[in-house]
Amino acid sequence: MRTTSLGRSFTFGKTSLTVNRTGYGAMQLAGPGVWGPPKDPDGAVAVLREAVAAGVNHIDTADYYGPYVTNQIVRQALHPYPAGLVIVTKLGGRRPPDQSWQPAISPQELTAGVHDNLRNLGLDVLDIVNYRVMGSGHGTEEGSIAEQVTVLADLQRKGLIRHIGLSNVTPRQFAEAQKISEIVCVQNLYNVAHRTDDAFIDDLERQGVAYVPFFPLGGFAPLQSAALEAVAASLQAKPMQVALAWLLHRARNILLIPGTSSIHHLRENLEAAALQLSPETIAELDAIAIGRPHGSIGA
């Protein structure tokens, strides 16, 4: 399989790391509920290898997926890693035996998490580590993150982390973290229907900070889903492809990490990078968000 652009490239601000804007999220490589091994381990390995062969050089993962499962699959599939591959992992969570999602935010837990990621990925240094604020569900909650970012900055000075990012954070938390260390990316809930971070994205773009949306089709109301499906049908594309293409048009600092355990769906996701949206189509998609006027915000 060959793709032409994968959404062109992006260089994380004040770093030497350049990635294609369409990457891959490894969460779905674990078993049901992001717990335990997948039903088809060989298939999971094949998906990762297909992604990299197609030009993906940005993989998002976390040691608490599984737990440990996705990082071990990434290592099995791709180690020794090809030059230019950027692996981004997350800290701040843990998966106890009851399969719940719990915070892991003490200095000891964060430090242990870095070493676990290094071991399971087979690395000496992690390219980017996102501190993930667990909060309640996938919504952000205000509160200081200075202690946790300070721990990561110390691990960065020790040479275990190259760069620091944030996940599930507010603009205020981002500003607080910036006073402690350079922040190269933010990973938050955002899609064509959920646009809370519009101003945040624009501010990050001005600073050269990557914005990585998760759940590109998460939380759509039935009428919103119907509107997206109608646009997709007019373009002879899948709704997911249109949602991903809209994100690439939204701002130049947006990086995609769609996840799947299927090679067929992987190919569909990557093809979204070549989908061209007219100003009229973008305006129609913009209107999906509740209370938003028609009008293009293409970038």
Protein backbone atom coordinates (compact mmCIF):
# COMPACT_ATOMS: atom_id res chain seq x y z
CA MET A 1 0.00 0.00 0.00
CA ARG A 2 1.16 3.53 -0.76
CA THR A 3 -0.25 6.83 0.35
CA THR A 4 0.71 10.14 -1.19
CA SER A 5 0.97 12.55 1.70
CA LEU A 6 -0.64 11.34 4.94
CA GLY A 7 -1.70 14.94 5.44
CA ARG A 8 1.77 16.38 4.81
CA SER A 9 4.20 16.81 7.68
CA PHE A 10 4.54 18.70 10.94
CA THR A 11 7.61 19.48 13.03
CA PHE A 12 7.04 19.66 16.76
CA GLY A 13 7.98 23.17 17.86
CA LYS A 14 11.58 23.65 19.03
CA THR A 15 12.42 20.00 18.29
CA SER A 16 13.97 18.01 15.46
CA LEU A 17 11.00 15.61 15.36
CA THR A 18 9.04 15.73 12.10
CA VAL A 19 6.05 13.45 11.50
CA ASN A 20 3.41 12.90 8.87
CA ARG A 21 0.17 14.41 10.12
CA THR A 22 -1.70 11.11 9.90
CA GLY A 23 -0.33 8.71 12.50
CA TYR A 24 -1.61 5.68 14.38
CA GLY A 25 -3.04 5.15 17.86
CA ALA A 26 -2.21 1.77 19.39
CA MET A 27 -4.92 1.56 22.07
CA GLN A 28 -7.14 -0.81 20.11
CA LEU A 29 -4.35 -3.36 19.78
CA ALA A 30 -5.12 -4.58 23.30
CA GLY A 31 -8.00 -6.91 24.11
CA PRO A 32 -11.65 -5.90 24.71
CA GLY A 33 -11.95 -2.95 27.05
CA VAL A 34 -8.25 -2.19 26.42
CA TRP A 35 -7.49 -5.09 28.72
CA GLY A 36 -5.29 -8.12 28.16
CA PRO A 37 -3.89 -9.43 24.89
CA PRO A 38 -5.73 -9.17 21.57
CA LYS A 39 -7.61 -12.12 20.12
CA ASP A 40 -5.28 -12.05 17.12
CA PRO A 41 -1.73 -11.10 18.19
CA ASP A 42 -0.31 -11.78 14.73
CA GLY A 43 -2.96 -9.51 13.24
CA ALA A 44 -1.99 -6.72 15.65
CA VAL A 45 1.63 -7.01 14.57
CA ALA A 46 0.56 -6.97 10.92
CA VAL A 47 -1.45 -3.75 11.39
CA LEU A 48 1.54 -1.93 12.87
CA ARG A 49 3.87 -3.11 10.13
CA GLU A 50 1.34 -2.10 7.46
CA ALA A 51 1.00 1.35 9.01
CA VAL A 52 4.73 1.99 9.01
CA ALA A 53 5.10 0.59 5.48
CA ALA A 54 2.42 3.09 4.38
CA GLY A 55 4.40 6.01 5.77
CA VAL A 56 3.12 6.35 9.33
CA ASN A 57 5.96 7.64 11.51
CA HIS A 58 3.98 8.78 14.57
CA ILE A 59 2.63 6.11 16.92
CA ASP A 60 0.69 6.95 20.07
CA THR A 61 0.65 4.39 22.88
CA ALA A 62 0.68 3.96 26.67
CA ASP A 63 1.95 1.34 29.06
CA TYR A 64 -1.42 1.25 30.83
CA TYR A 65 -3.10 -0.01 27.66
CA GLY A 66 -3.46 -3.68 28.41
CA PRO A 67 -1.65 -2.95 30.71
CA TYR A 68 1.74 -3.26 29.02
CA VAL A 69 0.20 -5.10 26.06
CA THR A 70 0.31 -2.43 23.36
CA ASN A 71 3.88 -1.38 24.08
CA GLN A 72 5.01 -4.99 23.94
CA ILE A 73 3.23 -5.45 20.60
CA VAL A 74 4.80 -2.26 19.25
CA ARG A 75 8.22 -3.59 20.22
CA GLN A 76 7.55 -7.02 18.72
CA ALA A 77 6.31 -5.55 15.46
CA LEU A 78 8.78 -2.73 14.87
CA HIS A 79 11.94 -3.10 16.95
CA PRO A 80 14.62 -2.23 15.94
CA TYR A 81 12.68 0.90 15.07
CA PRO A 82 13.08 2.53 11.66
CA ALA A 83 14.80 5.90 11.51
CA GLY A 84 12.39 8.78 11.92
CA LEU A 85 9.71 6.86 13.80
CA VAL A 86 8.36 8.96 16.70
CA ILE A 87 6.73 7.01 19.54
CA VAL A 88 4.60 9.06 21.93
CA THR A 89 3.53 7.48 25.20
CA LYS A 90 1.48 8.61 28.19
CA LEU A 91 1.77 8.61 31.95
CA GLY A 92 -0.75 9.40 34.65
CA GLY A 93 -2.92 6.29 34.66
CA ARG A 94 -2.93 2.70 35.83
CA ARG A 95 -5.16 -0.35 35.35
CA PRO A 96 -5.74 -2.34 38.55
CA PRO A 97 -7.09 -5.92 38.40
CA ASP A 98 -10.70 -4.68 38.40
CA GLN A 99 -9.94 -3.20 34.94
CA SER A 100 -10.84 0.34 36.02
CA TRP A 101 -8.91 3.45 34.99
CA GLN A 102 -7.19 5.06 37.97
CA PRO A 103 -4.76 7.98 38.36
CA ALA A 104 -1.08 7.23 38.88
CA ILE A 105 0.34 10.68 39.57
CA SER A 106 2.77 10.47 42.47
CA PRO A 107 6.47 11.11 41.73
CA GLN A 108 7.17 7.44 42.40
CA GLU A 109 4.43 6.26 40.03
CA LEU A 110 5.47 8.62 37.26
CA THR A 111 9.12 7.64 37.55
CA ALA A 112 8.26 3.94 37.57
CA GLY A 113 6.01 4.54 34.55
CA VAL A 114 8.87 6.01 32.54
CA HIS A 115 11.06 3.00 33.29
CA ASP A 116 8.21 0.60 32.45
CA ASN A 117 7.71 2.31 29.09
CA LEU A 118 11.43 2.22 28.34
CA ARG A 119 11.62 -1.47 29.15
CA ASN A 120 8.49 -2.56 27.30
CA LEU A 121 9.26 -0.47 24.22
CA GLY A 122 12.93 -1.46 24.21
CA LEU A 123 14.18 2.13 24.28
CA ASP A 124 16.89 4.06 26.11
CA VAL A 125 15.00 7.36 25.87
CA LEU A 126 11.34 8.20 25.16
CA ASP A 127 10.68 10.64 22.29
CA ILE A 128 7.63 12.33 23.85
CA VAL A 129 5.82 11.61 27.10
CA ASN A 130 2.35 13.06 27.61
CA TYR A 131 1.17 13.64 31.16
CA ARG A 132 -2.46 12.49 31.01
CA VAL A 133 -4.82 14.12 33.51
CA MET A 134 -7.29 11.35 34.25
CA GLY A 135 -10.14 13.55 35.52
CA SER A 136 -13.65 12.14 35.24
CA GLY A 137 -14.13 10.33 31.97
CA HIS A 138 -12.71 12.26 29.04
CA GLY A 139 -13.59 15.74 30.26
CA THR A 140 -11.02 18.19 31.53
CA GLU A 141 -10.94 19.38 35.13
CA GLU A 142 -9.08 22.39 36.47
CA GLY A 143 -6.38 21.80 39.06
CA SER A 144 -2.66 22.21 39.35
CA ILE A 145 -0.44 19.79 37.41
CA ALA A 146 2.81 21.49 38.43
CA GLU A 147 4.04 18.62 40.60
CA GLN A 148 3.61 16.03 37.88
CA VAL A 149 5.15 18.15 35.11
CA THR A 150 8.08 18.95 37.41
CA VAL A 151 8.71 15.20 37.82
CA LEU A 152 8.73 14.74 34.04
CA ALA A 153 11.03 17.73 33.60
CA ASP A 154 13.47 16.16 36.06
CA LEU A 155 13.38 12.88 34.14
CA GLN A 156 13.96 14.90 30.98
CA ARG A 157 17.09 16.46 32.50
CA LYS A 158 18.28 12.94 33.35
CA GLY A 159 18.03 11.99 29.68
CA LEU A 160 15.12 9.55 29.93
CA ILE A 161 12.61 11.80 28.09
CA ARG A 162 13.30 14.01 25.08
CA HIS A 163 10.12 16.07 25.10
CA ILE A 164 7.00 16.58 27.22
CA GLY A 165 3.35 16.80 26.18
CA LEU A 166 -0.01 16.98 27.93
CA SER A 167 -3.31 15.15 27.56
CA ASN A 168 -6.83 16.05 28.70
CA VAL A 169 -5.85 19.51 29.90
CA THR A 170 -7.25 23.04 29.97
CA PRO A 171 -5.53 26.14 28.59
CA ARG A 172 -4.79 27.19 32.17
CA GLN A 173 -3.04 23.89 32.90
CA PHE A 174 -1.08 24.20 29.67
CA ALA A 175 0.10 27.67 30.68
CA GLU A 176 1.11 26.37 34.11
CA ALA A 177 3.11 23.52 32.54
CA GLN A 178 4.85 25.87 30.10
CA LYS A 179 6.39 27.71 33.04
CA ILE A 180 8.11 24.47 34.04
CA SER A 181 9.11 22.94 30.72
CA GLU A 182 8.67 23.32 26.97
CA ILE A 183 5.42 21.56 25.97
CA VAL A 184 5.41 20.17 22.44
CA CYS A 185 1.89 18.73 22.11
CA VAL A 186 -1.58 18.63 23.62
CA GLN A 187 -3.93 15.67 23.26
CA ASN A 188 -7.60 16.44 23.99
CA LEU A 189 -11.13 15.43 23.03
CA TYR A 190 -12.09 17.29 19.86
CA ASN A 191 -14.01 16.57 16.71
CA VAL A 192 -16.33 18.21 14.21
CA ALA A 193 -19.24 18.09 16.69
CA HIS A 194 -17.32 18.90 19.90
CA ARG A 195 -15.47 22.16 19.42
CA THR A 196 -14.71 23.37 22.95
CA ASP A 197 -11.00 23.67 22.13
CA ASP A 198 -11.36 25.87 19.03
CA ALA A 199 -9.61 28.90 20.54
CA PHE A 200 -7.08 26.65 22.31
CA ILE A 201 -6.11 25.01 19.01
CA ASP A 202 -5.59 28.37 17.34
CA ASP A 203 -3.39 29.56 20.21
CA LEU A 204 -1.32 26.37 20.09
CA GLU A 205 -0.91 26.71 16.33
CA ARG A 206 0.55 30.18 16.79
CA GLN A 207 3.08 28.68 19.22
CA GLY A 208 4.00 25.73 17.01
CA VAL A 209 2.52 23.23 19.48
CA ALA A 210 0.87 20.10 18.05
CA TYR A 211 -2.76 19.35 18.86
CA VAL A 212 -3.74 15.68 18.77
CA PRO A 213 -7.52 15.08 18.95
CA PHE A 214 -8.90 11.85 20.31
CA PHE A 215 -12.35 10.36 19.64
CA PRO A 216 -12.83 11.92 16.17
CA LEU A 217 -16.35 10.40 16.10
CA GLY A 218 -17.03 10.30 19.83
CA GLY A 219 -20.22 11.62 21.38
CA PHE A 220 -22.15 12.56 18.25
CA ALA A 221 -25.90 13.12 18.62
CA PRO A 222 -28.09 11.19 16.15
CA LEU A 223 -28.81 14.29 14.05
CA GLN A 224 -25.10 15.15 13.95
CA SER A 225 -24.26 11.61 12.84
CA ALA A 226 -26.91 11.80 10.14
CA ALA A 227 -25.49 15.10 8.88
CA LEU A 228 -21.98 13.64 8.73
CA GLU A 229 -23.24 10.55 6.92
CA ALA A 230 -25.01 12.73 4.35
CA VAL A 231 -21.82 14.67 3.63
CA ALA A 232 -19.84 11.43 3.40
CA ALA A 233 -22.34 9.96 0.95
CA SER A 234 -22.06 13.04 -1.27
CA LEU A 235 -18.28 12.55 -1.37
CA GLN A 236 -18.50 8.76 -1.82
CA ALA A 237 -16.46 8.36 1.37
CA LYS A 238 -16.91 6.85 4.81
CA PRO A 239 -18.08 9.10 7.68
CA MET A 240 -14.85 8.42 9.59
CA GLN A 241 -12.80 9.47 6.56
CA VAL A 242 -14.69 12.75 6.28
CA ALA A 243 -14.32 13.43 10.02
CA LEU A 244 -10.58 12.82 9.81
CA ALA A 245 -10.20 14.92 6.67
CA TRP A 246 -12.07 17.79 8.34
CA LEU A 247 -9.60 17.70 11.23
CA LEU A 248 -6.66 17.95 8.83
CA HIS A 249 -8.31 20.95 7.19
CA ARG A 250 -9.12 22.55 10.54
CA ALA A 251 -5.58 23.59 11.49
CA ARG A 252 -2.05 22.85 10.37
CA ASN A 253 -0.94 21.79 13.86
CA ILE A 254 -3.55 19.01 14.16
CA LEU A 255 -2.08 15.50 14.08
CA LEU A 256 -4.28 12.43 13.74
CA ILE A 257 -3.88 9.13 15.59
CA PRO A 258 -6.85 6.98 14.48
CA GLY A 259 -6.63 3.50 15.93
CA THR A 260 -7.81 0.17 14.63
CA SER A 261 -6.93 -3.51 14.83
CA SER A 262 -8.02 -4.06 11.22
CA ILE A 263 -5.79 -3.60 8.17
CA HIS A 264 -8.89 -2.76 6.11
CA HIS A 265 -9.88 0.05 8.47
CA LEU A 266 -6.28 1.20 8.71
CA ARG A 267 -6.20 1.69 4.95
CA GLU A 268 -9.49 3.59 5.04
CA ASN A 269 -8.15 5.87 7.78
CA LEU A 270 -4.95 6.62 5.91
CA GLU A 271 -6.85 7.32 2.69
CA ALA A 272 -8.68 10.12 4.51
CA ALA A 273 -5.50 12.22 4.27
CA ALA A 274 -6.00 12.50 0.50
CA LEU A 275 -9.67 13.49 0.74
CA GLN A 276 -10.14 17.06 -0.48
CA LEU A 277 -12.93 19.14 1.05
CA SER A 278 -14.35 22.18 -0.73
CA PRO A 279 -15.10 25.39 1.19
CA GLU A 280 -18.79 24.57 0.85
CA THR A 281 -18.30 21.09 2.33
CA ILE A 282 -16.25 22.49 5.19
CA ALA A 283 -19.00 25.01 5.93
CA GLU A 284 -21.56 22.21 5.99
CA LEU A 285 -19.41 20.19 8.38
CA ASP A 286 -18.78 23.21 10.59
CA ALA A 287 -22.52 23.54 11.08
CA ILE A 288 -22.71 20.07 12.66
CA ALA A 289 -21.49 21.47 15.97
CA ILE A 290 -24.40 22.68 18.08
CA GLY A 291 -24.90 26.41 17.85
CA ARG A 292 -22.15 27.04 15.30
CA PRO A 293 -22.85 29.13 12.21
CA HIS A 294 -22.07 28.02 8.69
CA GLY A 295 -18.70 29.18 7.42
CA SER A 296 -15.34 27.74 6.53
CA ILE A 297 -12.51 27.63 9.01
CA GLY A 298 -10.22 25.66 6.75
CA ALA A 299 -6.53 26.15 7.32
